[in-house]
Amino acid sequence: MKVDDKKFFEAKANVLKALAHPTRLWMVEELESGEKCVCEFAEVIDADFSTVSKHLNVLKQAGIVQDEKRGKQVYYSLKVPCVLNFIHCVEAVLSTRALEHLSMTGFSDRPQIK
């Protein structure tokens, strides 16, 4: 593998690593509906502002979200909304695996979930 190719794959892996945490993945999905401030995330996940900010910073450093400071609040939005396509693809993989599991356990006579 060429050095430039390796660097490109490492960069891709860093984006995936940023998404590979349940809280950060949830945050990205929450941003699908629009921008949110740190306080909104902190309320829902019952975490302090520092923890929420660290998660959002990981997503920002990976290029997934962007922030905008307004007064004392920082608002986050998706910088690259197409990342949601990947997340929906992951959900399709999970659905397929669940259906395969059902068919192996004898429940294949049930209606298919689509």
N, C-alpha and C. Protein backbone atom coordinates (compact mmCIF):
# COMPACT_ATOMS: atom_id res chain seq x y z
N MET A 1 0.85 -1.17 0.00
CA MET A 1 0.00 0.00 0.00
C MET A 1 0.90 1.24 0.00
N LYS A 2 0.56 2.18 -0.84
CA LYS A 2 1.33 3.43 -0.92
C LYS A 2 1.10 4.27 0.33
N VAL A 3 2.07 5.12 0.64
CA VAL A 3 2.00 5.97 1.83
C VAL A 3 0.77 6.87 1.79
N ASP A 4 0.51 7.48 0.63
CA ASP A 4 -0.66 8.37 0.51
C ASP A 4 -1.96 7.60 0.72
N ASP A 5 -2.02 6.38 0.19
CA ASP A 5 -3.22 5.55 0.38
C ASP A 5 -3.40 5.21 1.86
N LYS A 6 -2.30 4.87 2.49
CA LYS A 6 -2.37 4.52 3.92
C LYS A 6 -2.88 5.70 4.74
N LYS A 7 -2.39 6.89 4.46
CA LYS A 7 -2.83 8.09 5.18
C LYS A 7 -4.32 8.35 4.96
N PHE A 8 -4.77 8.12 3.73
CA PHE A 8 -6.19 8.33 3.44
C PHE A 8 -7.06 7.34 4.20
N PHE A 9 -6.63 6.08 4.27
CA PHE A 9 -7.40 5.08 5.02
C PHE A 9 -7.35 5.35 6.52
N GLU A 10 -6.25 5.86 7.00
CA GLU A 10 -6.16 6.25 8.41
C GLU A 10 -7.12 7.40 8.71
N ALA A 11 -7.23 8.34 7.79
CA ALA A 11 -8.16 9.47 7.97
C ALA A 11 -9.60 8.96 8.00
N LYS A 12 -9.92 8.03 7.12
CA LYS A 12 -11.28 7.44 7.13
C LYS A 12 -11.54 6.72 8.45
N ALA A 13 -10.54 5.98 8.91
CA ALA A 13 -10.70 5.25 10.17
C ALA A 13 -10.92 6.21 11.34
N ASN A 14 -10.31 7.37 11.31
CA ASN A 14 -10.51 8.35 12.38
C ASN A 14 -11.95 8.86 12.41
N VAL A 15 -12.56 9.03 11.25
CA VAL A 15 -13.97 9.43 11.21
C VAL A 15 -14.83 8.33 11.81
N LEU A 16 -14.55 7.09 11.42
CA LEU A 16 -15.33 5.97 11.95
C LEU A 16 -15.12 5.80 13.45
N LYS A 17 -13.90 6.03 13.93
CA LYS A 17 -13.63 5.96 15.37
C LYS A 17 -14.45 7.00 16.13
N ALA A 18 -14.58 8.17 15.56
CA ALA A 18 -15.37 9.22 16.21
C ALA A 18 -16.82 8.79 16.35
N LEU A 19 -17.32 8.06 15.37
CA LEU A 19 -18.71 7.59 15.41
C LEU A 19 -18.88 6.33 16.26
N ALA A 20 -17.79 5.66 16.58
CA ALA A 20 -17.84 4.36 17.23
C ALA A 20 -18.00 4.45 18.74
N HIS A 21 -18.85 5.34 19.18
CA HIS A 21 -19.18 5.45 20.61
C HIS A 21 -20.68 5.69 20.70
N PRO A 22 -21.38 4.93 21.53
CA PRO A 22 -22.85 5.05 21.58
C PRO A 22 -23.36 6.47 21.80
N THR A 23 -22.73 7.22 22.68
CA THR A 23 -23.19 8.58 22.96
C THR A 23 -22.98 9.48 21.76
N ARG A 24 -21.82 9.39 21.12
CA ARG A 24 -21.55 10.24 19.96
C ARG A 24 -22.44 9.86 18.79
N LEU A 25 -22.67 8.59 18.61
CA LEU A 25 -23.57 8.13 17.54
C LEU A 25 -24.98 8.69 17.77
N TRP A 26 -25.43 8.64 19.01
CA TRP A 26 -26.74 9.19 19.35
C TRP A 26 -26.78 10.69 19.08
N MET A 27 -25.71 11.39 19.45
CA MET A 27 -25.66 12.85 19.23
C MET A 27 -25.79 13.17 17.74
N VAL A 28 -25.08 12.43 16.91
CA VAL A 28 -25.15 12.67 15.46
C VAL A 28 -26.58 12.46 14.97
N GLU A 29 -27.22 11.39 15.43
CA GLU A 29 -28.61 11.15 15.02
C GLU A 29 -29.54 12.25 15.52
N GLU A 30 -29.30 12.76 16.72
CA GLU A 30 -30.11 13.86 17.25
C GLU A 30 -29.96 15.13 16.41
N LEU A 31 -28.77 15.34 15.87
CA LEU A 31 -28.53 16.53 15.05
C LEU A 31 -29.19 16.45 13.69
N GLU A 32 -29.71 15.29 13.34
CA GLU A 32 -30.45 15.16 12.08
C GLU A 32 -31.64 16.10 12.06
N SER A 33 -32.25 16.33 13.22
CA SER A 33 -33.44 17.19 13.30
C SER A 33 -33.10 18.68 13.42
N GLY A 34 -31.81 19.00 13.49
CA GLY A 34 -31.40 20.39 13.57
C GLY A 34 -30.38 20.63 14.66
N GLU A 35 -29.90 21.85 14.72
CA GLU A 35 -28.83 22.18 15.67
C GLU A 35 -29.31 22.04 17.11
N LYS A 36 -28.34 21.78 17.98
CA LYS A 36 -28.62 21.64 19.40
C LYS A 36 -27.47 22.29 20.18
N CYS A 37 -27.80 22.77 21.36
CA CYS A 37 -26.74 23.32 22.21
C CYS A 37 -26.28 22.24 23.19
N VAL A 38 -25.12 22.47 23.76
CA VAL A 38 -24.55 21.53 24.71
C VAL A 38 -25.54 21.24 25.84
N CYS A 39 -26.24 22.28 26.28
CA CYS A 39 -27.19 22.12 27.39
C CYS A 39 -28.30 21.12 27.07
N GLU A 40 -28.76 21.10 25.82
CA GLU A 40 -29.80 20.15 25.43
C GLU A 40 -29.30 18.71 25.51
N PHE A 41 -28.07 18.48 25.07
CA PHE A 41 -27.50 17.15 25.16
C PHE A 41 -27.28 16.76 26.62
N ALA A 42 -26.77 17.69 27.41
CA ALA A 42 -26.47 17.40 28.81
C ALA A 42 -27.73 16.99 29.57
N GLU A 43 -28.84 17.64 29.29
CA GLU A 43 -30.11 17.31 29.95
C GLU A 43 -30.54 15.89 29.64
N VAL A 44 -30.51 15.53 28.38
CA VAL A 44 -31.05 14.23 27.95
C VAL A 44 -30.18 13.07 28.39
N ILE A 45 -28.87 13.21 28.28
CA ILE A 45 -28.01 12.07 28.63
C ILE A 45 -27.55 12.10 30.08
N ASP A 46 -28.01 13.09 30.83
CA ASP A 46 -27.70 13.21 32.26
C ASP A 46 -26.18 13.17 32.49
N ALA A 47 -25.50 14.05 31.77
CA ALA A 47 -24.04 14.16 31.91
C ALA A 47 -23.69 15.63 32.11
N ASP A 48 -22.52 15.86 32.66
CA ASP A 48 -22.10 17.25 32.86
C ASP A 48 -21.66 17.86 31.52
N PHE A 49 -21.60 19.17 31.51
CA PHE A 49 -21.26 19.90 30.28
C PHE A 49 -19.89 19.50 29.75
N SER A 50 -18.97 19.24 30.65
CA SER A 50 -17.60 18.88 30.26
C SER A 50 -17.58 17.58 29.45
N THR A 51 -18.30 16.58 29.92
CA THR A 51 -18.36 15.29 29.23
C THR A 51 -19.00 15.45 27.86
N VAL A 52 -20.12 16.17 27.81
CA VAL A 52 -20.82 16.39 26.54
C VAL A 52 -19.91 17.16 25.58
N SER A 53 -19.24 18.17 26.07
CA SER A 53 -18.35 18.96 25.23
C SER A 53 -17.21 18.13 24.67
N LYS A 54 -16.68 17.22 25.47
CA LYS A 54 -15.60 16.34 25.00
C LYS A 54 -16.07 15.46 23.86
N HIS A 55 -17.26 14.88 24.00
CA HIS A 55 -17.82 14.05 22.93
C HIS A 55 -18.01 14.88 21.65
N LEU A 56 -18.56 16.06 21.81
CA LEU A 56 -18.79 16.91 20.64
C LEU A 56 -17.48 17.37 20.01
N ASN A 57 -16.47 17.56 20.82
CA ASN A 57 -15.16 17.94 20.29
C ASN A 57 -14.55 16.82 19.45
N VAL A 58 -14.74 15.58 19.87
CA VAL A 58 -14.25 14.45 19.08
C VAL A 58 -14.94 14.45 17.70
N LEU A 59 -16.25 14.69 17.70
CA LEU A 59 -16.99 14.74 16.43
C LEU A 59 -16.54 15.93 15.59
N LYS A 60 -16.25 17.04 16.25
CA LYS A 60 -15.79 18.23 15.52
C LYS A 60 -14.41 18.00 14.90
N GLN A 61 -13.51 17.42 15.67
CA GLN A 61 -12.16 17.16 15.17
C GLN A 61 -12.18 16.19 14.00
N ALA A 62 -13.17 15.31 13.97
CA ALA A 62 -13.30 14.35 12.87
C ALA A 62 -13.97 14.98 11.65
N GLY A 63 -14.49 16.21 11.80
CA GLY A 63 -15.12 16.90 10.68
C GLY A 63 -16.58 16.56 10.49
N ILE A 64 -17.20 15.98 11.50
CA ILE A 64 -18.60 15.54 11.39
C ILE A 64 -19.57 16.65 11.80
N VAL A 65 -19.20 17.42 12.83
CA VAL A 65 -20.06 18.51 13.29
C VAL A 65 -19.29 19.83 13.24
N GLN A 66 -20.05 20.90 13.31
CA GLN A 66 -19.47 22.24 13.41
C GLN A 66 -20.18 22.95 14.56
N ASP A 67 -19.54 23.97 15.09
CA ASP A 67 -20.16 24.68 16.20
C ASP A 67 -20.23 26.17 15.92
N GLU A 68 -21.12 26.80 16.67
CA GLU A 68 -21.28 28.25 16.57
C GLU A 68 -21.59 28.76 17.98
N LYS A 69 -20.78 29.68 18.43
CA LYS A 69 -20.98 30.24 19.77
C LYS A 69 -21.95 31.41 19.67
N ARG A 70 -22.96 31.39 20.54
CA ARG A 70 -23.94 32.48 20.65
C ARG A 70 -24.08 32.83 22.12
N GLY A 71 -23.47 33.94 22.48
CA GLY A 71 -23.47 34.32 23.88
C GLY A 71 -22.66 33.30 24.67
N LYS A 72 -23.28 32.75 25.69
CA LYS A 72 -22.60 31.74 26.51
C LYS A 72 -22.84 30.32 26.01
N GLN A 73 -23.74 30.16 25.06
CA GLN A 73 -24.08 28.84 24.55
C GLN A 73 -23.32 28.51 23.27
N VAL A 74 -23.00 27.23 23.10
CA VAL A 74 -22.39 26.74 21.87
C VAL A 74 -23.39 25.80 21.22
N TYR A 75 -23.71 26.07 19.96
CA TYR A 75 -24.66 25.25 19.21
C TYR A 75 -23.91 24.40 18.19
N TYR A 76 -24.34 23.16 18.07
CA TYR A 76 -23.71 22.22 17.14
C TYR A 76 -24.70 21.81 16.06
N SER A 77 -24.15 21.59 14.88
CA SER A 77 -24.93 21.08 13.75
C SER A 77 -24.05 20.14 12.95
N LEU A 78 -24.71 19.35 12.10
CA LEU A 78 -23.95 18.44 11.24
C LEU A 78 -23.23 19.24 10.17
N LYS A 79 -21.96 19.03 10.05
CA LYS A 79 -21.18 19.68 9.02
C LYS A 79 -21.34 18.95 7.69
N VAL A 80 -21.46 17.64 7.79
CA VAL A 80 -21.60 16.77 6.62
C VAL A 80 -22.79 15.83 6.88
N PRO A 81 -24.01 16.26 6.56
CA PRO A 81 -25.20 15.46 6.87
C PRO A 81 -25.22 14.07 6.22
N CYS A 82 -24.44 13.88 5.16
CA CYS A 82 -24.45 12.57 4.50
C CYS A 82 -23.93 11.46 5.42
N VAL A 83 -23.32 11.82 6.55
CA VAL A 83 -22.88 10.80 7.50
C VAL A 83 -24.09 9.98 7.98
N LEU A 84 -25.27 10.58 7.92
CA LEU A 84 -26.48 9.85 8.31
C LEU A 84 -26.78 8.69 7.37
N ASN A 85 -26.35 8.81 6.10
CA ASN A 85 -26.53 7.70 5.16
C ASN A 85 -25.80 6.46 5.65
N PHE A 86 -24.61 6.67 6.17
CA PHE A 86 -23.83 5.56 6.72
C PHE A 86 -24.56 4.94 7.91
N ILE A 87 -25.09 5.78 8.77
CA ILE A 87 -25.79 5.28 9.95
C ILE A 87 -27.03 4.49 9.54
N HIS A 88 -27.76 4.96 8.54
CA HIS A 88 -28.93 4.21 8.06
C HIS A 88 -28.49 2.88 7.45
N CYS A 89 -27.34 2.86 6.81
CA CYS A 89 -26.81 1.62 6.26
C CYS A 89 -26.49 0.63 7.38
N VAL A 90 -25.93 1.11 8.47
CA VAL A 90 -25.64 0.25 9.62
C VAL A 90 -26.94 -0.34 10.16
N GLU A 91 -28.00 0.46 10.20
CA GLU A 91 -29.30 -0.03 10.66
C GLU A 91 -29.83 -1.12 9.74
N ALA A 92 -29.59 -0.99 8.43
CA ALA A 92 -30.01 -2.01 7.47
C ALA A 92 -29.24 -3.32 7.71
N VAL A 93 -27.97 -3.21 8.03
CA VAL A 93 -27.18 -4.40 8.35
C VAL A 93 -27.76 -5.10 9.58
N LEU A 94 -28.08 -4.32 10.61
CA LEU A 94 -28.66 -4.90 11.83
C LEU A 94 -30.00 -5.57 11.56
N SER A 95 -30.81 -4.93 10.75
CA SER A 95 -32.12 -5.50 10.39
C SER A 95 -31.96 -6.82 9.64
N THR A 96 -31.03 -6.84 8.70
CA THR A 96 -30.78 -8.05 7.93
C THR A 96 -30.30 -9.18 8.84
N ARG A 97 -29.41 -8.85 9.75
CA ARG A 97 -28.91 -9.88 10.69
C ARG A 97 -30.04 -10.41 11.57
N ALA A 98 -30.94 -9.51 12.01
CA ALA A 98 -32.06 -9.94 12.85
C ALA A 98 -32.99 -10.88 12.07
N LEU A 99 -33.25 -10.54 10.81
CA LEU A 99 -34.11 -11.40 9.99
C LEU A 99 -33.47 -12.76 9.74
N GLU A 100 -32.16 -12.77 9.52
CA GLU A 100 -31.45 -14.04 9.34
C GLU A 100 -31.54 -14.89 10.60
N HIS A 101 -31.40 -14.23 11.73
CA HIS A 101 -31.49 -14.94 13.01
C HIS A 101 -32.89 -15.54 13.19
N LEU A 102 -33.92 -14.77 12.85
CA LEU A 102 -35.29 -15.28 12.95
C LEU A 102 -35.50 -16.48 12.05
N SER A 103 -34.98 -16.43 10.85
CA SER A 103 -35.18 -17.55 9.92
C SER A 103 -34.45 -18.79 10.40
N MET A 104 -33.32 -18.62 11.09
CA MET A 104 -32.57 -19.77 11.61
C MET A 104 -33.25 -20.38 12.83
N THR A 105 -34.08 -19.61 13.51
CA THR A 105 -34.73 -20.11 14.72
C THR A 105 -36.15 -20.60 14.45
N GLY A 106 -36.53 -20.66 13.17
CA GLY A 106 -37.84 -21.20 12.83
C GLY A 106 -38.96 -20.20 12.81
N PHE A 107 -38.68 -18.93 12.89
CA PHE A 107 -39.69 -17.91 12.88
C PHE A 107 -39.84 -17.27 11.50
N SER A 108 -39.40 -17.97 10.47
CA SER A 108 -39.41 -17.37 9.12
C SER A 108 -40.82 -17.27 8.55
N ASP A 109 -41.82 -17.91 9.17
CA ASP A 109 -43.19 -17.82 8.69
C ASP A 109 -43.83 -16.49 9.03
N ARG A 110 -43.20 -15.73 9.90
CA ARG A 110 -43.73 -14.42 10.28
C ARG A 110 -43.50 -13.43 9.14
N PRO A 111 -44.35 -12.39 9.08
CA PRO A 111 -44.16 -11.38 8.03
C PRO A 111 -42.79 -10.72 8.12
N GLN A 112 -42.22 -10.42 6.98
CA GLN A 112 -40.92 -9.77 6.90
C GLN A 112 -41.03 -8.31 7.31
N ILE A 113 -40.05 -7.81 8.04
CA ILE A 113 -39.96 -6.42 8.43
C ILE A 113 -39.21 -5.68 7.33
N LYS A 114 -39.75 -4.57 6.89
CA LYS A 114 -39.07 -3.81 5.84
C LYS A 114 -38.85 -2.40 6.26
